[in-house]
Protein backbone atom coordinates (compact mmCIF):
# COMPACT_ATOMS: atom_id res chain seq x y z
CA MET A 1 31.67 36.44 211.09
CA LYS A 2 31.16 34.65 208.03
CA VAL A 3 32.28 36.00 204.95
CA ILE A 4 31.83 34.31 201.23
CA PHE A 5 34.38 36.02 198.53
CA VAL A 6 32.90 35.42 194.75
CA SER A 7 36.07 35.67 192.28
CA SER A 8 36.86 34.68 188.55
CA GLU A 9 40.07 34.55 190.05
CA THR A 10 42.29 33.03 192.81
CA VAL A 11 45.98 32.21 192.93
CA PRO A 12 47.39 29.44 192.64
CA PHE A 13 44.12 28.06 190.56
CA ALA A 14 44.04 30.71 187.81
CA SER A 15 44.85 34.16 187.64
CA THR A 16 45.89 36.83 185.42
CA GLY A 17 47.45 39.75 187.68
CA GLY A 18 46.42 41.11 191.24
CA LEU A 19 43.15 39.92 191.43
CA GLY A 20 44.25 36.47 191.83
CA ASP A 21 46.72 37.34 194.39
CA VAL A 22 44.36 39.42 196.53
CA LEU A 23 41.74 36.40 196.77
CA ALA A 24 44.95 34.34 197.31
CA SER A 25 46.12 35.96 200.60
CA LEU A 26 43.16 38.18 201.82
CA PRO A 27 41.08 35.44 202.50
CA LYS A 28 43.84 33.44 204.50
CA ALA A 29 44.88 36.18 206.38
CA LEU A 30 41.01 36.79 207.41
CA ALA A 31 40.86 32.91 208.77
CA LYS A 32 44.28 33.25 210.57
CA GLN A 33 42.00 36.62 212.85
CA ASP A 34 39.09 33.76 213.33
CA VAL A 35 36.79 34.84 210.31
CA GLU A 36 34.97 32.11 208.99
CA THR A 37 36.24 32.43 204.98
CA ILE A 38 34.87 30.66 201.84
CA ARG A 39 35.74 31.38 198.15
CA MET A 40 33.63 30.93 195.09
CA LEU A 41 35.60 30.38 191.75
CA PRO A 42 34.64 28.78 188.35
CA LEU A 43 36.14 25.36 187.73
CA TYR A 44 38.21 26.29 184.55
CA GLN A 45 39.54 23.52 182.30
CA ASP A 46 42.95 24.37 183.46
CA ILE A 47 42.60 23.89 187.18
CA ASP A 48 44.50 20.67 187.75
CA ARG A 49 41.89 18.72 190.07
CA GLU A 50 44.21 16.03 191.24
CA LYS A 51 47.23 18.39 191.75
CA TYR A 52 44.66 20.86 193.89
CA ARG A 53 43.38 17.76 195.55
CA LEU A 54 39.45 18.52 194.69
CA GLU A 55 36.60 16.61 195.75
CA LYS A 56 33.65 16.47 194.30
CA CYS A 57 30.53 17.70 196.26
CA ASP A 58 27.06 15.87 196.33
CA VAL A 59 25.36 18.77 195.06
CA GLU A 60 23.99 19.36 191.41
CA LEU A 61 22.89 22.94 190.47
CA HIS A 62 20.27 24.30 188.17
CA VAL A 63 20.23 27.42 187.13
CA PRO A 64 18.33 29.52 184.66
CA LEU A 65 19.37 31.68 181.91
CA GLY A 66 16.24 33.05 180.79
CA HIS A 67 14.36 30.36 179.87
CA ALA A 68 17.13 27.94 179.04
CA TRP A 69 18.61 25.78 182.16
CA TYR A 70 21.94 24.85 182.51
CA ARG A 71 23.45 21.97 184.90
CA GLY A 72 26.29 22.97 187.04
CA THR A 73 28.14 20.74 189.61
CA VAL A 74 30.08 21.54 192.64
CA TRP A 75 33.76 20.61 193.82
CA LYS A 76 35.43 21.32 196.87
CA GLN A 77 38.90 21.94 198.35
CA GLU A 78 39.89 22.99 202.15
CA PHE A 79 43.34 24.60 202.86
CA GLU A 80 44.89 26.67 205.46
CA ARG A 81 41.65 27.49 207.11
CA VAL A 82 40.22 28.37 203.88
CA THR A 83 37.43 26.37 202.04
CA THR A 84 36.81 26.93 198.23
CA TYR A 85 34.13 25.82 196.02
CA PHE A 86 34.65 25.03 192.49
CA ILE A 87 31.54 25.40 190.29
CA GLN A 88 31.75 23.36 187.08
CA SER A 89 29.59 23.90 183.90
CA HIS A 90 30.80 21.66 180.76
CA GLU A 91 28.83 24.47 178.59
CA PHE A 92 30.78 27.64 180.30
CA PHE A 93 33.84 26.28 181.72
CA ASP A 94 35.05 23.32 179.76
CA ARG A 95 37.50 25.23 177.16
CA PRO A 96 41.16 26.86 177.73
CA GLY A 97 41.74 29.78 179.87
CA ILE A 98 39.76 31.96 182.27
CA TYR A 99 38.55 34.58 179.81
CA GLY A 100 39.47 33.30 176.47
CA ALA A 101 41.84 31.91 174.23
CA HIS A 102 44.47 33.61 171.91
CA ASP A 103 44.27 37.28 173.10
CA HIS A 104 40.58 36.69 172.25
CA GLY A 105 38.05 36.63 174.76
CA TYR A 106 35.30 34.63 174.21
CA ALA A 107 31.81 36.10 172.95
CA ASP A 108 29.47 34.46 175.56
CA ASN A 109 31.50 35.75 178.61
CA PHE A 110 28.76 37.76 180.00
CA GLU A 111 26.73 34.44 179.67
CA ARG A 112 29.57 32.27 180.95
CA PHE A 113 29.69 34.58 184.48
CA LEU A 114 26.12 35.08 185.19
CA PHE A 115 25.70 31.06 185.14
CA PHE A 116 28.64 31.29 187.73
CA GLN A 117 27.10 33.97 189.97
CA LYS A 118 23.55 32.32 189.54
CA ALA A 119 25.26 29.32 190.48
CA VAL A 120 26.71 31.13 194.09
CA VAL A 121 23.82 32.06 194.99
CA ARG A 122 21.77 28.80 194.35
CA LEU A 123 24.88 27.18 196.39
CA ILE A 124 24.10 29.57 199.10
CA ASP A 125 20.66 28.59 199.42
CA GLU A 126 20.97 25.09 198.63
CA TRP A 127 23.42 25.04 201.82
CA ALA A 128 21.98 27.71 203.74
CA MET A 129 25.20 29.11 204.51
CA LYS A 130 23.75 32.41 205.59
CA PRO A 131 26.96 34.56 205.39
CA ASP A 132 26.79 38.04 206.50
CA ILE A 133 28.71 39.54 203.83
CA VAL A 134 29.17 38.10 200.34
CA HIS A 135 32.40 39.82 198.85
CA CYS A 136 32.03 40.75 195.32
CA ASN A 137 35.48 41.15 193.44
CA ASP A 138 35.03 42.85 189.79
CA TRP A 139 32.39 42.45 187.58
CA GLN A 140 32.35 39.14 187.20
CA ALA A 141 30.71 38.99 190.36
CA GLY A 142 29.15 42.46 189.58
CA LEU A 143 25.45 41.13 189.55
CA VAL A 144 25.39 38.79 192.63
CA PRO A 145 24.17 41.81 195.30
CA MET A 146 21.10 42.11 192.72
CA LEU A 147 20.47 38.12 192.40
CA LEU A 148 20.76 37.86 195.66
CA HIS A 149 18.13 40.80 196.70
CA TYR A 150 15.85 39.11 193.43
CA GLY A 151 16.69 35.89 193.07
CA ILE A 152 17.98 33.84 190.06
CA ASP A 153 14.58 32.68 188.71
CA GLY A 154 12.03 35.33 188.76
CA HIS A 155 10.81 34.11 192.38
CA PHE A 156 11.79 37.32 194.85
CA ARG A 157 14.22 36.28 197.36
CA ASN A 158 15.28 39.30 199.48
CA GLY A 159 18.14 38.35 200.82
CA ARG A 160 19.42 39.54 204.09
CA GLU A 161 22.91 39.21 203.33
CA LYS A 162 25.43 42.45 203.35
CA THR A 163 27.02 42.97 200.35
CA LEU A 164 30.64 44.51 199.39
CA MET A 165 32.04 45.16 195.57
CA THR A 166 35.31 45.75 195.59
CA ILE A 167 36.97 47.00 192.06
CA HIS A 168 40.13 46.08 191.40
CA ASN A 169 39.92 47.37 188.11
CA LEU A 170 37.54 49.95 186.51
CA MET A 171 38.13 49.61 183.13
CA HIS A 172 37.10 46.14 182.86
CA GLN A 173 33.33 46.31 183.42
CA GLY A 174 31.22 43.60 181.96
CA TRP A 175 29.40 45.28 179.18
CA ALA A 176 26.40 43.27 177.31
CA PRO A 177 23.58 43.72 174.51
CA ALA A 178 20.67 44.89 176.04
CA GLU A 179 18.88 42.29 174.34
CA LYS A 180 20.33 39.79 177.10
CA PHE A 181 19.22 41.24 179.74
CA TYR A 182 16.15 38.69 180.17
CA MET A 183 18.94 36.30 180.74
CA THR A 184 19.02 37.54 184.06
CA ASN A 185 15.61 36.78 184.94
CA LEU A 186 15.37 40.15 187.13
CA PRO A 187 12.55 42.21 187.52
CA ASP A 188 12.17 44.63 183.92
CA SER A 189 13.18 47.53 186.99
CA CYS A 190 16.41 46.62 187.09
CA TYR A 191 16.97 47.70 183.11
CA SER A 192 17.06 51.21 184.19
CA MET A 193 19.35 54.06 183.95
CA HIS A 194 19.07 53.79 188.02
CA ALA A 195 20.53 50.07 187.58
CA LEU A 196 21.98 47.93 185.23
CA GLU A 197 21.24 50.28 182.15
CA PHE A 198 24.53 51.97 180.51
CA TYR A 199 24.53 54.00 177.26
CA GLY A 200 21.79 51.98 176.10
CA GLU A 201 23.36 48.59 176.82
CA MET A 202 24.03 46.23 180.24
CA ASN A 203 26.83 47.01 182.65
CA THR A 204 27.75 44.12 185.03
CA LEU A 205 29.80 46.73 186.98
CA LYS A 206 27.40 49.46 187.38
CA GLY A 207 24.85 46.65 188.46
CA GLY A 208 26.96 45.94 191.42
CA ILE A 209 28.09 49.49 192.42
CA VAL A 210 24.36 50.54 192.50
CA ALA A 211 23.44 47.52 193.76
CA ALA A 212 26.17 46.71 196.81
CA SER A 213 25.73 47.78 200.54
CA ALA A 214 29.14 49.08 200.27
CA ILE A 215 32.07 49.72 197.74
CA ASN A 216 35.73 49.88 197.97
CA ALA A 217 38.44 50.20 195.80
CA VAL A 218 41.78 48.71 196.06
CA SER A 219 43.90 51.89 197.30
CA PRO A 220 42.48 55.04 198.68
CA THR A 221 44.20 57.20 195.86
CA TYR A 222 42.30 55.15 193.46
CA ALA A 223 39.08 55.18 195.43
CA GLU A 224 39.35 59.03 195.03
CA GLU A 225 40.41 58.75 191.19
CA ILE A 226 37.63 56.69 190.02
CA LYS A 227 35.21 59.77 190.78
CA THR A 228 37.00 61.60 188.07
CA SER A 229 36.83 62.09 184.55
CA ARG A 230 40.40 61.03 183.68
CA PHE A 231 40.16 57.93 185.71
CA GLY A 232 36.48 56.99 186.03
CA CYS A 233 35.92 55.00 182.75
CA LYS A 234 32.37 56.96 182.52
CA LEU A 235 31.17 55.20 185.55
CA ASN A 236 32.61 58.32 187.72
CA GLY A 237 29.07 60.04 187.57
CA VAL A 238 28.00 56.50 189.35
CA LEU A 239 30.26 56.75 191.94
CA TYR A 240 30.57 60.14 192.77
CA HIS A 241 26.84 59.51 193.50
CA ARG A 242 27.61 56.58 195.82
CA GLN A 243 30.54 58.67 197.58
CA ASN A 244 29.23 58.18 200.73
CA ALA A 245 29.59 53.83 200.65
CA LEU A 246 32.83 54.12 198.68
CA THR A 247 36.37 53.93 200.56
CA GLY A 248 40.10 52.91 199.59
CA ILE A 249 41.56 50.16 201.28
CA LEU A 250 45.44 49.27 200.07
CA ASN A 251 45.94 45.55 199.30
CA GLY A 252 48.59 43.97 200.99
CA ILE A 253 51.03 40.77 200.09
CA ASP A 254 52.04 37.51 201.88
CA TYR A 255 55.20 38.20 203.13
CA THR A 256 55.22 34.12 203.69
CA ARG A 257 55.41 34.15 199.69
CA TRP A 258 57.60 37.07 199.02
CA ASN A 259 60.16 37.01 201.34
CA PRO A 260 63.96 37.27 199.97
CA ALA A 261 65.42 35.76 203.44
CA THR A 262 62.99 32.10 202.48
CA ASP A 263 62.28 32.49 199.03
CA ARG A 264 62.96 29.22 196.79
CA TYR A 265 62.80 30.24 193.76
CA ILE A 266 65.82 32.63 193.76
CA PRO A 267 69.44 32.13 193.86
CA ALA A 268 70.80 33.27 197.08
CA HIS A 269 68.91 34.32 200.03
CA TYR A 270 69.53 38.19 202.06
CA SER A 271 68.16 40.13 204.52
CA PRO A 272 68.50 44.08 205.71
CA ASP A 273 71.06 43.03 207.73
CA ASP A 274 73.38 41.03 205.17
CA LEU A 275 72.64 42.02 201.67
CA ALA A 276 75.18 39.96 199.97
CA GLY A 277 72.53 37.63 198.51
CA LYS A 278 71.19 40.42 196.64
CA ALA A 279 74.23 40.72 194.78
CA LYS A 280 74.58 37.13 194.17
CA CYS A 281 70.86 37.25 192.15
CA LYS A 282 71.89 40.28 190.42
CA GLU A 283 75.03 38.52 189.29
CA SER A 284 72.76 35.61 188.16
CA ILE A 285 70.38 37.72 186.11
CA GLN A 286 73.29 39.48 184.70
CA LYS A 287 75.01 35.98 183.82
CA ASP A 288 71.79 34.49 182.38
CA CYS A 289 71.07 37.30 180.28
CA GLY A 290 74.35 37.20 178.62
CA PHE A 291 75.02 40.66 179.78
CA LYS A 292 78.43 42.21 181.76
CA VAL A 293 78.53 41.09 185.09
CA ASP A 294 79.53 44.23 187.01
CA PRO A 295 77.51 45.12 190.19
CA GLY A 296 78.34 48.93 189.40
CA ILE A 297 76.38 48.77 186.37
CA PRO A 298 72.41 49.39 187.09
CA LEU A 299 69.97 46.75 186.41
CA LEU A 300 66.46 47.92 185.54
CA GLY A 301 63.84 45.31 185.82
CA VAL A 302 60.22 45.02 184.51
CA VAL A 303 57.37 42.35 185.09
CA SER A 304 54.17 43.32 183.75
CA ARG A 305 51.42 42.56 181.44
CA LEU A 306 52.35 44.30 178.34
CA VAL A 307 49.16 46.33 177.98
CA PRO A 308 48.61 50.47 177.08
CA GLN A 309 47.53 50.75 181.25
CA LYS A 310 51.14 49.33 182.87
CA GLY A 311 52.65 52.47 180.74
CA ILE A 312 54.46 49.96 178.07
CA ASP A 313 53.98 52.74 175.43
CA LEU A 314 56.05 55.48 177.43
CA LEU A 315 58.56 52.93 178.39
CA LEU A 316 59.19 51.80 174.50
CA ALA A 317 59.09 55.50 173.64
CA ALA A 318 61.80 56.06 176.28
CA MET A 319 64.03 53.07 175.34
CA GLU A 320 66.42 54.76 173.43
CA GLN A 321 67.29 57.26 176.33
CA ILE A 322 67.54 54.27 178.59
CA ILE A 323 69.78 52.36 176.06
CA ALA A 324 71.97 55.48 176.47
CA THR A 325 72.19 55.72 180.11
CA GLY A 326 74.52 52.62 180.21
CA ALA A 327 71.85 50.80 181.80
CA GLN A 328 70.98 47.01 181.68
CA PHE A 329 67.17 46.13 181.18
CA VAL A 330 65.40 42.99 181.74
CA LEU A 331 61.78 42.62 181.08
CA LEU A 332 59.27 39.60 181.81
CA GLY A 333 56.11 39.39 180.49
CA THR A 334 53.41 38.82 177.67
CA GLY A 335 50.46 40.81 176.22
CA ASP A 336 49.68 43.19 173.36
CA ASP A 337 51.47 41.25 170.03
CA ARG A 338 53.05 44.96 169.12
CA PHE A 339 54.68 45.31 172.66
CA GLU A 340 56.19 41.97 172.22
CA ASP A 341 57.37 42.37 168.86
CA ALA A 342 58.77 45.51 169.79
CA PHE A 343 60.73 44.56 172.89
CA ARG A 344 62.01 41.19 171.08
CA GLU A 345 63.39 43.76 168.35
CA LEU A 346 64.85 45.96 171.02
CA ALA A 347 66.87 42.82 172.33
CA ALA A 348 67.97 41.79 169.03
CA ARG A 349 69.63 45.16 168.46
CA HIS A 350 71.19 45.29 171.83
CA PRO A 351 71.91 41.84 173.50
CA GLU A 352 74.55 43.51 175.66
CA GLN A 353 71.82 45.82 177.37
CA ILE A 354 68.23 44.41 176.90
CA HIS A 355 66.87 41.21 177.83
CA CYS A 356 63.64 40.35 176.79
CA CYS A 357 61.37 36.98 178.58
CA ILE A 358 57.92 37.04 176.61
CA GLU A 359 56.29 34.55 178.43
CA PHE A 360 54.48 34.45 182.48
CA SER A 361 56.65 32.71 185.08
CA PHE A 362 55.75 32.90 188.43
CA GLU A 363 59.59 31.73 189.30
CA LYS A 364 61.22 33.83 187.04
CA ALA A 365 59.29 37.19 188.56
CA HIS A 366 60.63 36.10 192.24
CA CYS A 367 64.20 36.46 190.31
CA VAL A 368 63.68 39.52 188.44
CA GLU A 369 62.32 40.81 191.76
CA ALA A 370 65.31 39.96 193.84
CA GLY A 371 68.47 40.39 191.10
CA THR A 372 67.23 44.07 189.80
CA ASP A 373 68.35 47.55 191.10
CA ILE A 374 65.40 49.62 190.40
CA PHE A 375 62.05 48.23 189.13
CA LEU A 376 60.17 50.26 186.65
CA MET A 377 56.41 50.61 186.92
CA PRO A 378 54.94 53.48 184.58
CA SER A 379 51.54 52.72 184.48
CA GLU A 380 49.23 55.20 183.10
CA PHE A 381 47.02 54.48 186.26
CA GLU A 382 47.32 51.71 188.72
CA PRO A 383 44.49 50.56 191.28
CA CYS A 384 46.66 49.39 193.44
CA GLY A 385 49.94 47.24 191.99
CA GLN A 386 51.79 44.46 193.86
CA ASN A 387 55.00 44.59 192.10
CA GLN A 388 55.79 47.68 193.96
CA LEU A 389 55.34 46.34 197.48
CA TYR A 390 57.34 42.86 196.46
CA SER A 391 60.16 45.22 194.92
CA MET A 392 60.48 46.88 198.37
CA ARG A 393 60.59 43.83 200.26
CA TYR A 394 63.50 42.33 198.25
CA GLY A 395 65.69 45.87 198.32
CA THR A 396 64.58 46.70 194.58
CA ILE A 397 63.77 50.36 194.41
CA PRO A 398 60.71 51.08 192.80
CA LEU A 399 60.59 53.99 190.20
CA VAL A 400 56.89 54.73 189.66
CA HIS A 401 54.39 56.99 188.05
CA GLY A 402 52.34 58.71 191.12
CA VAL A 403 48.99 57.61 190.72
CA GLY A 404 46.52 55.14 192.29
CA GLY A 405 48.18 52.84 194.90
CA LEU A 406 51.82 53.73 193.79
CA GLU A 407 51.12 57.18 195.04
CA ASP A 408 49.87 55.61 198.26
CA SER A 409 52.68 52.93 198.58
CA VAL A 410 55.83 54.57 197.30
CA VAL A 411 57.64 57.49 199.35
CA ASP A 412 59.77 59.83 196.86
CA TYR A 413 63.27 60.07 197.95
CA SER A 414 63.15 63.37 198.06
CA GLU A 415 60.96 63.02 201.17
CA LYS A 416 61.85 61.89 204.90
CA ASP A 417 62.20 58.27 205.26
CA GLY A 418 61.75 57.82 201.08
CA THR A 419 61.33 54.19 199.54
CA GLY A 420 61.85 55.17 195.81
CA PHE A 421 61.61 57.38 192.85
CA LYS A 422 57.75 59.01 191.86
CA PHE A 423 57.34 61.31 188.53
CA HIS A 424 53.71 62.67 188.30
CA ASP A 425 54.37 64.39 184.71
CA TYR A 426 53.27 61.26 182.74
CA THR A 427 55.93 62.30 179.17
CA VAL A 428 59.03 60.59 178.42
CA GLY A 429 60.46 63.28 179.89
CA GLY A 430 59.14 63.43 183.20
CA PHE A 431 59.77 59.70 183.31
CA MET A 432 63.48 60.32 182.29
CA ASP A 433 64.12 62.69 184.64
CA CYS A 434 63.02 60.58 187.36
CA LEU A 435 65.18 57.57 186.40
CA ARG A 436 68.10 60.13 186.12
CA ARG A 437 67.60 61.00 189.77
CA ALA A 438 67.39 57.34 190.42
CA LEU A 439 71.10 56.45 188.57
CA THR A 440 72.58 59.56 190.36
CA VAL A 441 71.46 57.89 193.72
CA PHE A 442 72.21 54.33 192.62
CA ALA A 443 75.86 55.74 191.93
CA ASP A 444 76.37 56.36 195.38
CA ASP A 445 76.82 53.27 197.01
CA ASN A 446 76.18 54.24 201.02
CA GLY A 447 73.31 56.14 199.83
CA TRP A 448 71.78 53.30 197.66
CA LYS A 449 72.09 50.78 200.31
CA ALA A 450 70.04 52.81 203.43
CA LEU A 451 67.51 53.70 200.44
CA MET A 452 67.33 49.68 200.14
CA LYS A 453 66.87 48.98 203.81
CA ARG A 454 64.39 51.77 204.33
CA ALA A 455 62.63 49.89 201.62
CA MET A 456 62.57 46.69 202.68
CA ALA A 457 61.61 47.71 206.09
CA LYS A 458 58.41 49.09 205.38
CA ASP A 459 55.60 46.70 206.53
CA PHE A 460 52.82 46.09 203.48
CA SER A 461 51.60 42.95 205.42
CA VAL A 462 48.05 41.06 203.90
CA VAL A 463 47.72 40.85 208.28
CA HIS A 464 47.02 44.68 208.07
CA MET A 465 44.99 44.58 204.86
CA ALA A 466 42.66 41.76 206.74
CA ARG A 467 42.22 44.11 209.67
CA ASN A 468 40.75 47.03 207.37
CA TYR A 469 38.78 44.71 205.78
CA ILE A 470 37.50 43.37 208.89
CA ALA A 471 36.32 46.78 210.06
CA LEU A 472 34.76 47.64 206.92
CA TYR A 473 32.28 44.15 207.05
CA GLU A 474 31.87 45.55 211.00
CA LYS A 475 30.71 48.89 209.45
CA ILE A 476 28.37 47.43 206.88
CA LEU A 477 26.84 45.14 209.40
CA LYS A 478 25.93 47.46 211.63
CA GLN A 479 24.21 49.76 209.01
């Protein structure tokens, strides 16, 4: 079986969150199970060609956007049995960032990723790749199923490849004005309520949902949620119509990268059989943050994009009550200016309890996962989430809002074999009741250690995720 992944992000080359992590781990896991795996990614300006040993390929792609033609080149990397092709364009990708700079998206993002998707189809044809499955991820690959069928330049292609459209976050849909439809070179029939047209505009993700052979979301609960008006982001009706083609597969994580027994980023190693290193990791954070070093003081951690989806409004509204519990709090992340400023102000007023690193740091993220006692994820909605999975592996107990992948992956302490704490009343009161319950359990040292060991024993390996995707690919191919 040959699978081509089309995505705007892949760790370590370019990533803003979970999408990049999945595109790093899943293809590698599939390759280990003898699936021929290829990734296609834009060659952004920030990707270091020498560091990642990229090689320029002897091919030039000519891609139309409407009546204008653009040139693209291709670069290649082979690593751990996965081949990655990078689509390079001076017009569209020789600029800072992935989607924009200084927290503002580029005005031509629709054109940028339309070029990328057309270049992917052109490369598949130039090299006669003949994949069995083209696995499209989020809106930046949402037009690929239509382009494979209808072609990229107005000449009918009738591709026989099967396509899978994975929704990592339904909130991001790739809207564009109707007047840009001509750039797709798709037949006029594709601009209709049954295809790309949506409230008088184009919706790229809708195109993928409508045209793909199958659709999946990144957790079973999220797959159900997005068919409702609460979580469907206006696309719930479209998804409900295609519900027989929609499934949910929980993301997994790469335990070669996230393992407290071998992690090169943390101060001390540990395992369920020897938790001494965990205490050293906590002590290191307390010292670095200027907190009182005391294993008996609960240390709460957050690693997150500071955006409303992640429940940051709720967290800020609860901060004074969190401070009143006597707990220490460390945050790592960047996002909306108002959230960054609010946490800086809180840290300035309560330096003995609150420390905020307003930055993105892969290394520090590992340290927070290893050194804190409770990891807070009060997301308003969460397609899957991965930090709760990292946390459990590191014996850091997740406290989560019971939605999406958080509902699927965390078992509440009150239940048999509990691995964390969940709240469903999305209010400050509901969140604080859950936190106080967690702090009560934390005060019982033996009970807490037993909880840590149960959490660390859970297996959310990417190997299981890969097997589930192989089963889905095989089902699609039989259709």
